[in-house]
């Protein structure tokens, strides 16, 4: 007797097996690549990014996105990835911190300014600061201290002063300069 038959496994395929239809899904563009999410439509974008696509730059900062570490750009607006269910994102263009650099690997000027100003403490909040800073620089190319202070990101390492300097360095076009 064949080993499969000894365990009650049929040797011939069941002719009644019908393949499942192709599932429709939620189409999104993330960092310039197209994806279709076919899982739970209520899955938060954050978990799709981290657990499905392995884009782990965006961080979990609480169930309501209160500290800004989970910010991404949806279109051109910063949003909390934990508060956005996939079903609301069909057809949307999403940029994560991984998508800020150019295709050739050149850093975004704000990323370079963060390095120049040593504006990275533990690094947990850095992705959110970068997303919020990119948005701020688009809206206000020469932001004031008050503009920067309006960003809702939280840094528990105390890097806010260096973050401010980095945003101003990028705004002045001096990223990468000594």
Protein backbone atom coordinates (compact mmCIF):
# COMPACT_ATOMS: atom_id res chain seq x y z
CA UNK A 1 0.00 0.00 0.00
CA UNK A 2 1.31 3.50 -0.90
CA UNK A 3 2.15 5.76 2.08
CA UNK A 4 -0.55 8.28 1.11
CA UNK A 5 -3.22 5.58 0.99
CA UNK A 6 -2.10 4.25 4.37
CA UNK A 7 -3.03 7.60 5.91
CA UNK A 8 -6.35 7.94 4.13
CA UNK A 9 -5.07 10.54 1.63
CA UNK A 10 -6.61 10.04 -1.83
CA UNK A 11 -4.09 9.23 -4.54
CA UNK A 12 -6.14 10.74 -7.34
CA UNK A 13 -7.33 14.33 -7.26
CA UNK A 14 -10.94 15.09 -6.43
CA UNK A 15 -12.63 16.14 -9.67
CA UNK A 16 -15.05 18.32 -7.70
CA UNK A 17 -12.40 20.86 -6.71
CA UNK A 18 -13.19 24.23 -8.22
CA UNK A 19 -10.66 27.08 -7.97
CA UNK A 20 -11.86 30.15 -6.15
CA UNK A 21 -12.64 33.18 -8.25
CA UNK A 22 -10.07 35.94 -8.32
CA UNK A 23 -10.86 38.18 -5.39
CA UNK A 24 -11.34 41.84 -5.95
CA UNK A 25 -9.49 44.11 -3.63
CA UNK A 26 -8.45 47.58 -2.63
CA UNK A 27 -5.99 49.10 -5.11
CA UNK A 28 -3.40 51.46 -3.67
CA UNK A 29 -0.16 52.99 -4.86
CA UNK A 30 2.51 52.95 -2.17
CA UNK A 31 5.84 54.66 -2.82
CA UNK A 32 5.18 54.46 -6.57
CA UNK A 33 4.29 50.75 -6.63
CA UNK A 34 0.82 49.34 -7.18
CA UNK A 35 -0.68 46.88 -4.70
CA UNK A 36 -4.08 45.22 -4.27
CA UNK A 37 -5.16 44.41 -0.73
CA UNK A 38 -7.52 41.42 -0.73
CA UNK A 39 -7.67 40.93 3.02
CA UNK A 40 -9.85 42.50 5.69
CA UNK A 41 -11.03 45.86 4.34
CA UNK A 42 -11.01 47.26 7.89
CA UNK A 43 -7.30 46.47 8.39
CA UNK A 44 -5.51 49.69 9.36
CA UNK A 45 -3.04 50.95 6.78
CA UNK A 46 -0.28 50.76 9.40
CA UNK A 47 -0.62 46.99 9.72
CA UNK A 48 -0.78 46.57 5.95
CA UNK A 49 2.45 48.53 5.59
CA UNK A 50 4.30 46.78 8.42
CA UNK A 51 2.91 43.23 8.38
CA UNK A 52 2.12 42.67 4.70
CA UNK A 53 4.58 44.86 2.79
CA UNK A 54 7.33 44.87 5.45
CA UNK A 55 7.65 48.66 5.26
CA UNK A 56 8.54 49.09 8.92
CA UNK A 57 9.61 52.74 8.93
CA UNK A 58 6.14 53.91 9.93
CA UNK A 59 5.75 53.22 13.65
CA UNK A 60 2.86 52.42 15.97
CA UNK A 61 2.32 55.31 18.32
CA UNK A 62 -0.98 54.49 19.94
CA UNK A 63 -4.45 53.43 18.88
CA UNK A 64 -5.39 56.95 17.82
CA UNK A 65 -2.13 58.06 16.19
CA UNK A 66 -1.66 60.65 18.87
CA UNK A 67 2.13 61.07 18.75
CA UNK A 68 2.69 61.31 15.00
CA UNK A 69 5.10 58.39 14.61
CA UNK A 70 2.63 56.68 12.26
CA UNK A 71 2.27 59.52 9.76
CA UNK A 72 2.21 58.84 6.03
CA UNK A 73 1.20 61.03 3.12
CA UNK A 74 -2.09 60.10 1.49
CA UNK A 75 -2.09 62.16 -1.65
CA UNK A 76 -0.28 65.19 -0.30
CA UNK A 77 -1.81 65.19 3.18
CA UNK A 78 -0.24 63.70 6.31
CA UNK A 79 -2.53 61.17 7.96
CA UNK A 80 -2.24 58.71 10.81
CA UNK A 81 -1.78 55.23 9.30
CA UNK A 82 -3.33 53.52 12.31
CA UNK A 83 -6.60 55.44 11.90
CA UNK A 84 -7.01 54.72 8.17
CA UNK A 85 -8.75 51.46 7.28
CA UNK A 86 -7.71 50.08 3.91
CA UNK A 87 -11.29 50.38 2.59
CA UNK A 88 -10.98 54.19 2.67
CA UNK A 89 -7.79 54.15 0.61
CA UNK A 90 -8.95 52.55 -2.65
CA UNK A 91 -7.29 54.37 -5.54
CA UNK A 92 -5.12 56.51 -3.25
CA UNK A 93 -1.43 57.37 -3.59
CA UNK A 94 0.46 56.79 -0.33
CA UNK A 95 4.00 57.83 0.54
CA UNK A 96 5.79 56.38 3.56
CA UNK A 97 9.11 57.48 4.99
CA UNK A 98 10.75 54.82 2.79
CA UNK A 99 9.32 56.61 -0.25
CA UNK A 100 10.82 60.03 0.50
CA UNK A 101 14.22 59.23 -1.03
CA UNK A 102 14.64 59.44 -4.80
CA UNK A 103 14.63 56.31 -6.96
CA UNK A 104 18.42 56.50 -7.23
CA UNK A 105 18.70 56.39 -3.42
CA UNK A 106 19.46 60.08 -2.97
CA UNK A 107 17.96 61.26 0.30
CA UNK A 108 15.19 63.83 0.44
CA UNK A 109 16.72 67.16 1.55
CA UNK A 110 14.88 66.91 4.88
CA UNK A 111 16.27 63.42 5.49
CA UNK A 112 19.77 64.76 4.83
CA UNK A 113 19.13 67.75 7.09
CA UNK A 114 18.08 65.39 9.91
CA UNK A 115 21.44 63.66 9.55
CA UNK A 116 23.32 66.97 9.34
CA UNK A 117 21.65 68.29 12.50
CA UNK A 118 21.80 64.98 14.38
CA UNK A 119 18.03 65.25 14.83
CA UNK A 120 17.63 61.54 15.47
CA UNK A 121 17.49 60.47 19.11
CA UNK A 122 16.22 56.93 19.51
CA UNK A 123 14.72 57.22 16.02
CA UNK A 124 11.23 56.01 16.85
CA UNK A 125 9.54 59.33 16.11
CA UNK A 126 11.83 60.27 13.19
CA UNK A 127 9.64 58.86 10.37
CA UNK A 128 6.66 60.87 11.59
CA UNK A 129 8.73 64.05 11.93
CA UNK A 130 10.03 63.57 8.38
CA UNK A 131 6.54 63.12 6.94
CA UNK A 132 5.18 66.10 8.92
CA UNK A 133 8.22 68.19 7.97
CA UNK A 134 7.91 67.39 4.26
CA UNK A 135 4.26 68.43 4.40
CA UNK A 136 5.12 71.63 6.27
CA UNK A 137 7.84 72.57 3.76
CA UNK A 138 5.39 72.06 0.87
CA UNK A 139 2.84 74.33 2.53
CA UNK A 140 5.31 76.84 3.96
CA UNK A 141 8.69 76.80 2.20
CA UNK A 142 10.18 79.11 4.86
CA UNK A 143 8.52 77.99 8.11
CA UNK A 144 8.90 79.97 11.30
CA UNK A 145 9.54 78.49 14.73
CA UNK A 146 5.82 78.90 15.42
CA UNK A 147 4.97 76.93 12.26
CA UNK A 148 7.30 74.11 13.29
CA UNK A 149 5.95 74.15 16.85
CA UNK A 150 2.45 73.50 15.45
CA UNK A 151 3.52 70.00 14.32
CA UNK A 152 1.87 67.52 16.65
CA UNK A 153 4.71 65.01 16.73
CA UNK A 154 6.12 63.91 20.06
CA UNK A 155 9.78 63.20 20.78
CA UNK A 156 10.53 61.84 24.22
CA UNK A 157 14.30 62.04 23.63
CA UNK A 158 14.20 65.84 23.55
CA UNK A 159 15.25 66.30 19.90
CA UNK A 160 12.71 69.02 19.12
CA UNK A 161 15.37 71.75 18.98
CA UNK A 162 17.45 69.71 16.51
CA UNK A 163 14.32 68.85 14.51
CA UNK A 164 13.57 72.57 14.23
CA UNK A 165 17.14 73.20 13.04
CA UNK A 166 16.87 70.39 10.49
CA UNK A 167 13.62 71.72 9.04
CA UNK A 168 15.13 75.20 8.77
CA UNK A 169 18.31 73.77 7.17
CA UNK A 170 16.22 71.97 4.54
CA UNK A 171 14.14 75.11 3.95
CA UNK A 172 17.33 77.13 3.42
CA UNK A 173 18.59 74.61 0.88
CA UNK A 174 21.65 73.81 3.03
CA UNK A 175 21.09 70.09 3.55
CA UNK A 176 24.33 68.21 3.01
CA UNK A 177 26.47 71.31 3.51
CA UNK A 178 28.89 71.76 6.38
